[in-house]
Amino acid sequence: SAYRESLAIAHSLEDRVAIAHSVEGIAEIEAEIGTPERAARLLSAATWLRRSTGVPHEVGDRGANKALLPLLRASLGNALYDAIEAGMRSVRVEDVVAEATACAEARMAAKPQVG
């Protein structure tokens, strides 16, 4: 997946903004396939990574996350989402990268092979 590849490159460059962007994309995919808790963990981790850099979202990037957050809150409930978010505040970058990579690889493995 393009997000997995971008994540690997961003991690090798230690670019937290690019890591956050890739993790947000993987969070969107997780939400689309019906794994809202995983999506919430990834989105929360990406948010905290981005905040740690002091770099705000690009104008074009805000739309998906702005729409995803209320969907996740509606799906999980505010209390569970808040608990997940609180748990991700102190997560290590390496752990975020590992979880997001595992999610992306699981999605790739689940795709039917053409040929």
PDB file of N, CA and C in Angstrom:
ATOM      1  N   SER A   1       0.839  -1.192   0.000  1.00  0.00           N
ATOM      2  CA  SER A   1       0.000   0.000   0.000  1.00  0.00           C
ATOM      3  C   SER A   1       0.877   1.247   0.000  1.00  0.00           C
ATOM      4  N   ALA A   2       0.368   2.282  -0.609  1.00  0.00           N
ATOM      5  CA  ALA A   2       1.123   3.533  -0.695  1.00  0.00           C
ATOM      6  C   ALA A   2       1.358   4.118   0.693  1.00  0.00           C
ATOM      7  N   TYR A   3       0.365   3.995   1.578  1.00  0.00           N
ATOM      8  CA  TYR A   3       0.541   4.538   2.934  1.00  0.00           C
ATOM      9  C   TYR A   3       1.649   3.795   3.679  1.00  0.00           C
ATOM     10  N   ARG A   4       1.717   2.468   3.503  1.00  0.00           N
ATOM     11  CA  ARG A   4       2.762   1.688   4.182  1.00  0.00           C
ATOM     12  C   ARG A   4       4.139   2.108   3.675  1.00  0.00           C
ATOM     13  N   GLU A   5       4.254   2.282   2.374  1.00  0.00           N
ATOM     14  CA  GLU A   5       5.535   2.691   1.799  1.00  0.00           C
ATOM     15  C   GLU A   5       5.923   4.092   2.260  1.00  0.00           C
ATOM     16  N   SER A   6       4.949   5.014   2.256  1.00  0.00           N
ATOM     17  CA  SER A   6       5.244   6.382   2.716  1.00  0.00           C
ATOM     18  C   SER A   6       5.636   6.385   4.184  1.00  0.00           C
ATOM     19  N   LEU A   7       4.946   5.541   4.961  1.00  0.00           N
ATOM     20  CA  LEU A   7       5.247   5.459   6.388  1.00  0.00           C
ATOM     21  C   LEU A   7       6.671   4.974   6.612  1.00  0.00           C
ATOM     22  N   ALA A   8       7.085   3.969   5.868  1.00  0.00           N
ATOM     23  CA  ALA A   8       8.449   3.447   6.008  1.00  0.00           C
ATOM     24  C   ALA A   8       9.485   4.519   5.669  1.00  0.00           C
ATOM     25  N   ILE A   9       9.239   5.249   4.603  1.00  0.00           N
ATOM     26  CA  ILE A   9      10.178   6.317   4.210  1.00  0.00           C
ATOM     27  C   ILE A   9      10.195   7.417   5.262  1.00  0.00           C
ATOM     28  N   ALA A  10       9.013   7.856   5.696  1.00  0.00           N
ATOM     29  CA  ALA A  10       8.927   8.928   6.701  1.00  0.00           C
ATOM     30  C   ALA A  10       9.613   8.512   8.001  1.00  0.00           C
ATOM     31  N   HIS A  11       9.435   7.250   8.378  1.00  0.00           N
ATOM     32  CA  HIS A  11      10.071   6.771   9.607  1.00  0.00           C
ATOM     33  C   HIS A  11      11.586   6.748   9.464  1.00  0.00           C
ATOM     34  N   SER A  12      12.074   6.316   8.305  1.00  0.00           N
ATOM     35  CA  SER A  12      13.531   6.284   8.097  1.00  0.00           C
ATOM     36  C   SER A  12      14.129   7.689   8.119  1.00  0.00           C
ATOM     37  N   LEU A  13      13.317   8.685   7.716  1.00  0.00           N
ATOM     38  CA  LEU A  13      13.777  10.081   7.717  1.00  0.00           C
ATOM     39  C   LEU A  13      13.481  10.794   9.044  1.00  0.00           C
ATOM     40  N   GLU A  14      12.777  10.077   9.946  1.00  0.00           N
ATOM     41  CA  GLU A  14      12.363  10.638  11.236  1.00  0.00           C
ATOM     42  C   GLU A  14      11.506  11.893  11.050  1.00  0.00           C
ATOM     43  N   ASP A  15      10.649  11.864  10.037  1.00  0.00           N
ATOM     44  CA  ASP A  15       9.771  12.982   9.707  1.00  0.00           C
ATOM     45  C   ASP A  15       8.405  12.745  10.353  1.00  0.00           C
ATOM     46  N   ARG A  16       8.196  13.339  11.531  1.00  0.00           N
ATOM     47  CA  ARG A  16       6.976  13.092  12.300  1.00  0.00           C
ATOM     48  C   ARG A  16       5.716  13.585  11.593  1.00  0.00           C
ATOM     49  N   VAL A  17       5.817  14.653  10.851  1.00  0.00           N
ATOM     50  CA  VAL A  17       4.640  15.156  10.127  1.00  0.00           C
ATOM     51  C   VAL A  17       4.239  14.152   9.048  1.00  0.00           C
ATOM     52  N   ALA A  18       5.198  13.653   8.308  1.00  0.00           N
ATOM     53  CA  ALA A  18       4.902  12.672   7.258  1.00  0.00           C
ATOM     54  C   ALA A  18       4.426  11.349   7.869  1.00  0.00           C
ATOM     55  N   ILE A  19       4.993  10.967   9.008  1.00  0.00           N
ATOM     56  CA  ILE A  19       4.519   9.767   9.702  1.00  0.00           C
ATOM     57  C   ILE A  19       3.054   9.953  10.071  1.00  0.00           C
ATOM     58  N   ALA A  20       2.728  11.107  10.657  1.00  0.00           N
ATOM     59  CA  ALA A  20       1.345  11.385  11.060  1.00  0.00           C
ATOM     60  C   ALA A  20       0.415  11.321   9.854  1.00  0.00           C
ATOM     61  N   HIS A  21       0.831  11.887   8.746  1.00  0.00           N
ATOM     62  CA  HIS A  21      -0.005  11.882   7.535  1.00  0.00           C
ATOM     63  C   HIS A  21      -0.291  10.445   7.079  1.00  0.00           C
ATOM     64  N   SER A  22       0.729   9.611   7.052  1.00  0.00           N
ATOM     65  CA  SER A  22       0.543   8.219   6.622  1.00  0.00           C
ATOM     66  C   SER A  22      -0.344   7.458   7.601  1.00  0.00           C
ATOM     67  N   VAL A  23      -0.134   7.671   8.892  1.00  0.00           N
ATOM     68  CA  VAL A  23      -0.935   6.988   9.912  1.00  0.00           C
ATOM     69  C   VAL A  23      -2.397   7.414   9.807  1.00  0.00           C
ATOM     70  N   GLU A  24      -2.636   8.688   9.530  1.00  0.00           N
ATOM     71  CA  GLU A  24      -4.009   9.169   9.341  1.00  0.00           C
ATOM     72  C   GLU A  24      -4.679   8.451   8.160  1.00  0.00           C
ATOM     73  N   GLY A  25      -3.949   8.259   7.099  1.00  0.00           N
ATOM     74  CA  GLY A  25      -4.498   7.546   5.945  1.00  0.00           C
ATOM     75  C   GLY A  25      -4.846   6.109   6.281  1.00  0.00           C
ATOM     76  N   ILE A  26      -3.987   5.462   7.036  1.00  0.00           N
ATOM     77  CA  ILE A  26      -4.252   4.083   7.440  1.00  0.00           C
ATOM     78  C   ILE A  26      -5.440   4.045   8.399  1.00  0.00           C
ATOM     79  N   ALA A  27      -5.572   5.061   9.253  1.00  0.00           N
ATOM     80  CA  ALA A  27      -6.729   5.146  10.149  1.00  0.00           C
ATOM     81  C   ALA A  27      -8.029   5.239   9.353  1.00  0.00           C
ATOM     82  N   GLU A  28      -8.020   6.013   8.293  1.00  0.00           N
ATOM     83  CA  GLU A  28      -9.209   6.128   7.435  1.00  0.00           C
ATOM     84  C   GLU A  28      -9.597   4.769   6.858  1.00  0.00           C
ATOM     85  N   ILE A  29      -8.610   4.023   6.406  1.00  0.00           N
ATOM     86  CA  ILE A  29      -8.879   2.696   5.841  1.00  0.00           C
ATOM     87  C   ILE A  29      -9.455   1.778   6.914  1.00  0.00           C
ATOM     88  N   GLU A  30      -8.880   1.815   8.110  1.00  0.00           N
ATOM     89  CA  GLU A  30      -9.384   0.981   9.202  1.00  0.00           C
ATOM     90  C   GLU A  30     -10.836   1.320   9.523  1.00  0.00           C
ATOM     91  N   ALA A  31     -11.172   2.591   9.496  1.00  0.00           N
ATOM     92  CA  ALA A  31     -12.560   2.997   9.753  1.00  0.00           C
ATOM     93  C   ALA A  31     -13.474   2.479   8.641  1.00  0.00           C
ATOM     94  N   GLU A  32     -13.015   2.561   7.410  1.00  0.00           N
ATOM     95  CA  GLU A  32     -13.824   2.118   6.268  1.00  0.00           C
ATOM     96  C   GLU A  32     -14.108   0.625   6.304  1.00  0.00           C
ATOM     97  N   ILE A  33     -13.164  -0.155   6.815  1.00  0.00           N
ATOM     98  CA  ILE A  33     -13.370  -1.615   6.820  1.00  0.00           C
ATOM     99  C   ILE A  33     -14.029  -2.101   8.106  1.00  0.00           C
ATOM    100  N   GLY A  34     -14.356  -1.180   9.002  1.00  0.00           N
ATOM    101  CA  GLY A  34     -15.119  -1.564  10.177  1.00  0.00           C
ATOM    102  C   GLY A  34     -14.316  -1.920  11.410  1.00  0.00           C
ATOM    103  N   THR A  35     -13.146  -1.313  11.560  1.00  0.00           N
ATOM    104  CA  THR A  35     -12.370  -1.521  12.789  1.00  0.00           C
ATOM    105  C   THR A  35     -12.173  -0.161  13.471  1.00  0.00           C
ATOM    106  N   PRO A  36     -13.248   0.370  14.072  1.00  0.00           N
ATOM    107  CA  PRO A  36     -13.195   1.724  14.621  1.00  0.00           C
ATOM    108  C   PRO A  36     -12.243   1.910  15.797  1.00  0.00           C
ATOM    109  N   GLU A  37     -12.061   0.893  16.626  1.00  0.00           N
ATOM    110  CA  GLU A  37     -11.121   1.062  17.742  1.00  0.00           C
ATOM    111  C   GLU A  37      -9.699   1.220  17.230  1.00  0.00           C
ATOM    112  N   ARG A  38      -9.339   0.417  16.256  1.00  0.00           N
ATOM    113  CA  ARG A  38      -7.999   0.536  15.672  1.00  0.00           C
ATOM    114  C   ARG A  38      -7.859   1.886  14.972  1.00  0.00           C
ATOM    115  N   ALA A  39      -8.895   2.292  14.261  1.00  0.00           N
ATOM    116  CA  ALA A  39      -8.884   3.590  13.581  1.00  0.00           C
ATOM    117  C   ALA A  39      -8.723   4.714  14.597  1.00  0.00           C
ATOM    118  N   ALA A  40      -9.418   4.607  15.731  1.00  0.00           N
ATOM    119  CA  ALA A  40      -9.323   5.637  16.771  1.00  0.00           C
ATOM    120  C   ALA A  40      -7.921   5.692  17.364  1.00  0.00           C
ATOM    121  N   ARG A  41      -7.314   4.527  17.596  1.00  0.00           N
ATOM    122  CA  ARG A  41      -5.938   4.514  18.128  1.00  0.00           C
ATOM    123  C   ARG A  41      -4.994   5.204  17.154  1.00  0.00           C
ATOM    124  N   LEU A  42      -5.108   4.846  15.881  1.00  0.00           N
ATOM    125  CA  LEU A  42      -4.209   5.425  14.884  1.00  0.00           C
ATOM    126  C   LEU A  42      -4.446   6.922  14.707  1.00  0.00           C
ATOM    127  N   LEU A  43      -5.707   7.318  14.620  1.00  0.00           N
ATOM    128  CA  LEU A  43      -6.002   8.740  14.445  1.00  0.00           C
ATOM    129  C   LEU A  43      -5.518   9.541  15.651  1.00  0.00           C
ATOM    130  N   SER A  44      -5.737   9.017  16.842  1.00  0.00           N
ATOM    131  CA  SER A  44      -5.285   9.710  18.057  1.00  0.00           C
ATOM    132  C   SER A  44      -3.766   9.818  18.097  1.00  0.00           C
ATOM    133  N   ALA A  45      -3.102   8.730  17.753  1.00  0.00           N
ATOM    134  CA  ALA A  45      -1.633   8.751  17.742  1.00  0.00           C
ATOM    135  C   ALA A  45      -1.118   9.752  16.722  1.00  0.00           C
ATOM    136  N   ALA A  46      -1.729   9.792  15.550  1.00  0.00           N
ATOM    137  CA  ALA A  46      -1.313  10.739  14.511  1.00  0.00           C
ATOM    138  C   ALA A  46      -1.530  12.171  14.972  1.00  0.00           C
ATOM    139  N   THR A  47      -2.651  12.403  15.639  1.00  0.00           N
ATOM    140  CA  THR A  47      -2.940  13.750  16.144  1.00  0.00           C
ATOM    141  C   THR A  47      -1.877  14.195  17.129  1.00  0.00           C
ATOM    142  N   TRP A  48      -1.514  13.311  18.049  1.00  0.00           N
ATOM    143  CA  TRP A  48      -0.498  13.677  19.045  1.00  0.00           C
ATOM    144  C   TRP A  48       0.881  13.831  18.418  1.00  0.00           C
ATOM    145  N   LEU A  49       1.186  13.004  17.437  1.00  0.00           N
ATOM    146  CA  LEU A  49       2.465  13.172  16.729  1.00  0.00           C
ATOM    147  C   LEU A  49       2.521  14.529  16.046  1.00  0.00           C
ATOM    148  N   ARG A  50       1.445  14.864  15.364  1.00  0.00           N
ATOM    149  CA  ARG A  50       1.396  16.143  14.653  1.00  0.00           C
ATOM    150  C   ARG A  50       1.510  17.304  15.642  1.00  0.00           C
ATOM    151  N   ARG A  51       0.790  17.215  16.743  1.00  0.00           N
ATOM    152  CA  ARG A  51       0.853  18.283  17.748  1.00  0.00           C
ATOM    153  C   ARG A  51       2.253  18.422  18.329  1.00  0.00           C
ATOM    154  N   SER A  52       2.964  17.312  18.468  1.00  0.00           N
ATOM    155  CA  SER A  52       4.318  17.366  19.040  1.00  0.00           C
ATOM    156  C   SER A  52       5.289  18.111  18.139  1.00  0.00           C
ATOM    157  N   THR A  53       4.949  18.232  16.853  1.00  0.00           N
ATOM    158  CA  THR A  53       5.826  18.944  15.923  1.00  0.00           C
ATOM    159  C   THR A  53       5.516  20.433  15.875  1.00  0.00           C
ATOM    160  N   GLY A  54       4.278  20.780  16.293  1.00  0.00           N
ATOM    161  CA  GLY A  54       3.862  22.175  16.211  1.00  0.00           C
ATOM    162  C   GLY A  54       3.409  22.579  14.815  1.00  0.00           C
ATOM    163  N   VAL A  55       3.384  21.609  13.899  1.00  0.00           N
ATOM    164  CA  VAL A  55       2.968  21.894  12.517  1.00  0.00           C
ATOM    165  C   VAL A  55       1.495  21.536  12.374  1.00  0.00           C
ATOM    166  N   PRO A  56       0.658  22.497  12.007  1.00  0.00           N
ATOM    167  CA  PRO A  56      -0.773  22.202  11.849  1.00  0.00           C
ATOM    168  C   PRO A  56      -1.027  21.405  10.575  1.00  0.00           C
ATOM    169  N   HIS A  57      -2.239  20.900  10.449  1.00  0.00           N
ATOM    170  CA  HIS A  57      -2.643  20.223   9.217  1.00  0.00           C
ATOM    171  C   HIS A  57      -2.582  21.199   8.059  1.00  0.00           C
ATOM    172  N   GLU A  58      -2.231  20.660   6.910  1.00  0.00           N
ATOM    173  CA  GLU A  58      -2.353  21.449   5.688  1.00  0.00           C
ATOM    174  C   GLU A  58      -3.845  21.641   5.430  1.00  0.00           C
ATOM    175  N   VAL A  59      -4.209  22.699   4.779  1.00  0.00           N
ATOM    176  CA  VAL A  59      -5.616  22.980   4.514  1.00  0.00           C
ATOM    177  C   VAL A  59      -6.286  21.800   3.809  1.00  0.00           C
ATOM    178  N   GLY A  60      -5.654  21.213   2.838  1.00  0.00           N
ATOM    179  CA  GLY A  60      -6.242  20.102   2.101  1.00  0.00           C
ATOM    180  C   GLY A  60      -6.360  18.820   2.894  1.00  0.00           C
ATOM    181  N   ASP A  61      -5.578  18.665   3.959  1.00  0.00           N
ATOM    182  CA  ASP A  61      -5.586  17.438   4.756  1.00  0.00           C
ATOM    183  C   ASP A  61      -6.692  17.406   5.798  1.00  0.00           C
ATOM    184  N   ARG A  62      -7.270  18.529   6.111  1.00  0.00           N
ATOM    185  CA  ARG A  62      -8.212  18.600   7.228  1.00  0.00           C
ATOM    186  C   ARG A  62      -9.525  17.879   6.979  1.00  0.00           C
ATOM    187  N   GLY A  63      -9.961  17.807   5.737  1.00  0.00           N
ATOM    188  CA  GLY A  63     -11.286  17.279   5.432  1.00  0.00           C
ATOM    189  C   GLY A  63     -11.524  15.870   5.920  1.00  0.00           C
ATOM    190  N   ALA A  64     -10.636  14.956   5.607  1.00  0.00           N
ATOM    191  CA  ALA A  64     -10.833  13.561   5.971  1.00  0.00           C
ATOM    192  C   ALA A  64     -10.845  13.382   7.480  1.00  0.00           C
ATOM    193  N   ASN A  65      -9.899  14.003   8.159  1.00  0.00           N
ATOM    194  CA  ASN A  65      -9.838  13.852   9.614  1.00  0.00           C
ATOM    195  C   ASN A  65     -11.011  14.534  10.291  1.00  0.00           C
ATOM    196  N   LYS A  66     -11.424  15.648   9.737  1.00  0.00           N
ATOM    197  CA  LYS A  66     -12.567  16.366  10.299  1.00  0.00           C
ATOM    198  C   LYS A  66     -13.819  15.505  10.209  1.00  0.00           C
ATOM    199  N   ALA A  67     -13.955  14.746   9.142  1.00  0.00           N
ATOM    200  CA  ALA A  67     -15.105  13.855   8.974  1.00  0.00           C
ATOM    201  C   ALA A  67     -14.940  12.559   9.766  1.00  0.00           C
ATOM    202  N   LEU A  68     -13.713  12.063   9.884  1.00  0.00           N
ATOM    203  CA  LEU A  68     -13.469  10.786  10.545  1.00  0.00           C
ATOM    204  C   LEU A  68     -13.701  10.851  12.051  1.00  0.00           C
ATOM    205  N   LEU A  69     -13.270  11.908  12.677  1.00  0.00           N
ATOM    206  CA  LEU A  69     -13.392  12.017  14.131  1.00  0.00           C
ATOM    207  C   LEU A  69     -14.839  11.875  14.609  1.00  0.00           C
ATOM    208  N   PRO A  70     -15.807  12.621  14.052  1.00  0.00           N
ATOM    209  CA  PRO A  70     -17.180  12.442  14.525  1.00  0.00           C
ATOM    210  C   PRO A  70     -17.737  11.046  14.238  1.00  0.00           C
ATOM    211  N   LEU A  71     -17.319  10.436  13.151  1.00  0.00           N
ATOM    212  CA  LEU A  71     -17.774   9.083  12.843  1.00  0.00           C
ATOM    213  C   LEU A  71     -17.259   8.088  13.884  1.00  0.00           C
ATOM    214  N   LEU A  72     -16.004   8.244  14.256  1.00  0.00           N
ATOM    215  CA  LEU A  72     -15.437   7.345  15.264  1.00  0.00           C
ATOM    216  C   LEU A  72     -16.079   7.572  16.629  1.00  0.00           C
ATOM    217  N   ARG A  73     -16.299   8.836  16.971  1.00  0.00           N
ATOM    218  CA  ARG A  73     -16.963   9.133  18.245  1.00  0.00           C
ATOM    219  C   ARG A  73     -18.381   8.559  18.267  1.00  0.00           C
ATOM    220  N   ALA A  74     -19.092   8.651  17.154  1.00  0.00           N
ATOM    221  CA  ALA A  74     -20.449   8.105  17.080  1.00  0.00           C
ATOM    222  C   ALA A  74     -20.423   6.580  17.176  1.00  0.00           C
ATOM    223  N   SER A  75     -19.448   5.972  16.547  1.00  0.00           N
ATOM    224  CA  SER A  75     -19.350   4.518  16.540  1.00  0.00           C
ATOM    225  C   SER A  75     -18.939   3.955  17.904  1.00  0.00           C
ATOM    226  N   LEU A  76     -17.978   4.607  18.525  1.00  0.00           N
ATOM    227  CA  LEU A  76     -17.417   4.091  19.782  1.00  0.00           C
ATOM    228  C   LEU A  76     -18.049   4.696  21.022  1.00  0.00           C
ATOM    229  N   GLY A  77     -18.619   5.871  20.882  1.00  0.00           N
ATOM    230  CA  GLY A  77     -19.087   6.626  22.041  1.00  0.00           C
ATOM    231  C   GLY A  77     -17.969   7.534  22.517  1.00  0.00           C
ATOM    232  N   ASN A  78     -18.341   8.671  23.063  1.00  0.00           N
ATOM    233  CA  ASN A  78     -17.342   9.652  23.492  1.00  0.00           C
ATOM    234  C   ASN A  78     -16.417   9.114  24.577  1.00  0.00           C
ATOM    235  N   ALA A  79     -16.967   8.375  25.531  1.00  0.00           N
ATOM    236  CA  ALA A  79     -16.147   7.889  26.654  1.00  0.00           C
ATOM    237  C   ALA A  79     -15.048   6.950  26.166  1.00  0.00           C
ATOM    238  N   LEU A  80     -15.400   5.997  25.303  1.00  0.00           N
ATOM    239  CA  LEU A  80     -14.389   5.065  24.802  1.00  0.00           C
ATOM    240  C   LEU A  80     -13.386   5.788  23.914  1.00  0.00           C
ATOM    241  N   TYR A  81     -13.867   6.669  23.041  1.00  0.00           N
ATOM    242  CA  TYR A  81     -12.931   7.402  22.182  1.00  0.00           C
ATOM    243  C   TYR A  81     -11.958   8.225  23.044  1.00  0.00           C
ATOM    244  N   ASP A  82     -12.489   8.914  24.051  1.00  0.00           N
ATOM    245  CA  ASP A  82     -11.631   9.722  24.926  1.00  0.00           C
ATOM    246  C   ASP A  82     -10.604   8.863  25.652  1.00  0.00           C
ATOM    247  N   ALA A  83     -11.001   7.666  26.075  1.00  0.00           N
ATOM    248  CA  ALA A  83     -10.070   6.758  26.757  1.00  0.00           C
ATOM    249  C   ALA A  83      -8.971   6.302  25.795  1.00  0.00           C
ATOM    250  N   ILE A  84      -9.365   5.971  24.571  1.00  0.00           N
ATOM    251  CA  ILE A  84      -8.374   5.567  23.563  1.00  0.00           C
ATOM    252  C   ILE A  84      -7.417   6.722  23.294  1.00  0.00           C
ATOM    253  N   GLU A  85      -7.968   7.908  23.121  1.00  0.00           N
ATOM    254  CA  GLU A  85      -7.147   9.088  22.838  1.00  0.00           C
ATOM    255  C   GLU A  85      -6.172   9.357  23.976  1.00  0.00           C
ATOM    256  N   ALA A  86      -6.643   9.268  25.205  1.00  0.00           N
ATOM    257  CA  ALA A  86      -5.775   9.505  26.365  1.00  0.00           C
ATOM    258  C   ALA A  86      -4.645   8.486  26.411  1.00  0.00           C
ATOM    259  N   GLY A  87      -4.950   7.255  26.047  1.00  0.00           N
ATOM    260  CA  GLY A  87      -3.928   6.218  26.050  1.00  0.00           C
ATOM    261  C   GLY A  87      -2.864   6.400  24.985  1.00  0.00           C
ATOM    262  N   MET A  88      -3.177   7.130  23.947  1.00  0.00           N
ATOM    263  CA  MET A  88      -2.227   7.323  22.848  1.00  0.00           C
ATOM    264  C   MET A  88      -1.333   8.544  23.042  1.00  0.00           C
ATOM    265  N   ARG A  89      -1.593   9.331  24.053  1.00  0.00           N
ATOM    266  CA  ARG A  89      -0.811  10.565  24.240  1.00  0.00           C
ATOM    267  C   ARG A  89       0.658  10.304  24.528  1.00  0.00           C
ATOM    268  N   SER A  90       0.950   9.190  25.143  1.00  0.00           N
ATOM    269  CA  SER A  90       2.347   8.926  25.506  1.00  0.00           C
ATOM    270  C   SER A  90       2.966   7.793  24.688  1.00  0.00           C
ATOM    271  N   VAL A  91       2.313   7.432  23.617  1.00  0.00           N
ATOM    272  CA  VAL A  91       2.819   6.333  22.803  1.00  0.00           C
ATOM    273  C   VAL A  91       4.111   6.750  22.091  1.00  0.00           C
ATOM    274  N   ARG A  92       4.991   5.792  21.937  1.00  0.00           N
ATOM    275  CA  ARG A  92       6.263   6.058  21.250  1.00  0.00           C
ATOM    276  C   ARG A  92       6.051   6.018  19.734  1.00  0.00           C
ATOM    277  N   VAL A  93       6.809   6.805  19.031  1.00  0.00           N
ATOM    278  CA  VAL A  93       6.712   6.858  17.568  1.00  0.00           C
ATOM    279  C   VAL A  93       6.891   5.461  16.980  1.00  0.00           C
ATOM    280  N   GLU A  94       7.845   4.715  17.495  1.00  0.00           N
ATOM    281  CA  GLU A  94       8.110   3.372  16.980  1.00  0.00           C
ATOM    282  C   GLU A  94       6.889   2.472  17.122  1.00  0.00           C
ATOM    283  N   ASP A  95       6.156   2.623  18.231  1.00  0.00           N
ATOM    284  CA  ASP A  95       4.962   1.806  18.443  1.00  0.00           C
ATOM    285  C   ASP A  95       3.843   2.194  17.473  1.00  0.00           C
ATOM    286  N   VAL A  96       3.716   3.487  17.215  1.00  0.00           N
ATOM    287  CA  VAL A  96       2.715   3.962  16.247  1.00  0.00           C
ATOM    288  C   VAL A  96       3.047   3.410  14.865  1.00  0.00           C
ATOM    289  N   VAL A  97       4.304   3.511  14.478  1.00  0.00           N
ATOM    290  CA  VAL A  97       4.737   3.021  13.172  1.00  0.00           C
ATOM    291  C   VAL A  97       4.503   1.513  13.072  1.00  0.00           C
ATOM    292  N   ALA A  98       4.825   0.791  14.126  1.00  0.00           N
ATOM    293  CA  ALA A  98       4.642  -0.661  14.110  1.00  0.00           C
ATOM    294  C   ALA A  98       3.167  -1.034  13.974  1.00  0.00           C
ATOM    295  N   GLU A  99       2.283  -0.381  14.719  1.00  0.00           N
ATOM    296  CA  GLU A  99       0.861  -0.699  14.626  1.00  0.00           C
ATOM    297  C   GLU A  99       0.297  -0.339  13.259  1.00  0.00           C
ATOM    298  N   ALA A 100       0.642   0.835  12.759  1.00  0.00           N
ATOM    299  CA  ALA A 100       0.138   1.261  11.457  1.00  0.00           C
ATOM    300  C   ALA A 100       0.660   0.353  10.348  1.00  0.00           C
ATOM    301  N   THR A 101       1.911  -0.037  10.427  1.00  0.00           N
ATOM    302  CA  THR A 101       2.492  -0.936   9.432  1.00  0.00           C
ATOM    303  C   THR A 101       1.793  -2.287   9.462  1.00  0.00           C
ATOM    304  N   ALA A 102       1.547  -2.799  10.662  1.00  0.00           N
ATOM    305  CA  ALA A 102       0.854  -4.085  10.791  1.00  0.00           C
ATOM    306  C   ALA A 102      -0.550  -4.010  10.188  1.00  0.00           C
ATOM    307  N   CYS A 103      -1.239  -2.911  10.424  1.00  0.00           N
ATOM    308  CA  CYS A 103      -2.582  -2.732   9.844  1.00  0.00           C
ATOM    309  C   CYS A 103      -2.515  -2.723   8.322  1.00  0.00           C
ATOM    310  N   ALA A 104      -1.586  -1.949   7.779  1.00  0.00           N
ATOM    311  CA  ALA A 104      -1.460  -1.848   6.324  1.00  0.00           C
ATOM    312  C   ALA A 104      -1.095  -3.197   5.714  1.00  0.00           C
ATOM    313  N   GLU A 105      -0.197  -3.930   6.366  1.00  0.00           N
ATOM    314  CA  GLU A 105       0.202  -5.235   5.841  1.00  0.00           C
ATOM    315  C   GLU A 105      -0.945  -6.237   5.919  1.00  0.00           C
ATOM    316  N   ALA A 106      -1.754  -6.154   6.974  1.00  0.00           N
ATOM    317  CA  ALA A 106      -2.909  -7.048   7.098  1.00  0.00           C
ATOM    318  C   ALA A 106      -3.913  -6.772   5.987  1.00  0.00           C
ATOM    319  N   ARG A 107      -4.099  -5.507   5.641  1.00  0.00           N
ATOM    320  CA  ARG A 107      -5.033  -5.163   4.562  1.00  0.00           C
ATOM    321  C   ARG A 107      -4.505  -5.684   3.237  1.00  0.00           C
ATOM    322  N   MET A 108      -3.194  -5.569   3.029  1.00  0.00           N
ATOM    323  CA  MET A 108      -2.608  -6.057   1.771  1.00  0.00           C
ATOM    324  C   MET A 108      -2.751  -7.576   1.673  1.00  0.00           C
ATOM    325  N   ALA A 109      -2.536  -8.274   2.789  1.00  0.00           N
ATOM    326  CA  ALA A 109      -2.651  -9.733   2.793  1.00  0.00           C
ATOM    327  C   ALA A 109      -4.094 -10.189   2.556  1.00  0.00           C
ATOM    328  N   ALA A 110      -5.044  -9.371   2.986  1.00  0.00           N
ATOM    329  CA  ALA A 110      -6.465  -9.720   2.849  1.00  0.00           C
ATOM    330  C   ALA A 110      -7.007  -9.490   1.447  1.00  0.00           C
ATOM    331  N   LYS A 111      -6.285  -8.705   0.645  1.00  0.00           N
ATOM    332  CA  LYS A 111      -6.750  -8.427  -0.727  1.00  0.00           C
ATOM    333  C   LYS A 111      -6.611  -9.694  -1.569  1.00  0.00           C
ATOM    334  N   PRO A 112      -7.620  -9.979  -2.382  1.00  0.00           N
ATOM    335  CA  PRO A 112      -7.508 -11.133  -3.269  1.00  0.00           C
ATOM    336  C   PRO A 112      -6.379 -10.928  -4.284  1.00  0.00           C
ATOM    337  N   GLN A 113      -5.659 -11.980  -4.554  1.00  0.00           N
ATOM    338  CA  GLN A 113      -4.557 -11.910  -5.518  1.00  0.00           C
ATOM    339  C   GLN A 113      -5.128 -12.018  -6.930  1.00  0.00           C
ATOM    340  N   VAL A 114      -4.664 -11.147  -7.791  1.00  0.00           N
ATOM    341  CA  VAL A 114      -5.085 -11.155  -9.197  1.00  0.00           C
ATOM    342  C   VAL A 114      -4.038 -11.907  -9.998  1.00  0.00           C
ATOM    343  N   GLY A 115      -4.460 -12.751 -10.865  1.00  0.00           N
ATOM    344  CA  GLY A 115      -3.468 -13.388 -11.692  1.00  0.00           C
ATOM    345  C   GLY A 115      -3.827 -14.744 -12.001  1.00  0.00           C
TER     346      GLY A 115
END
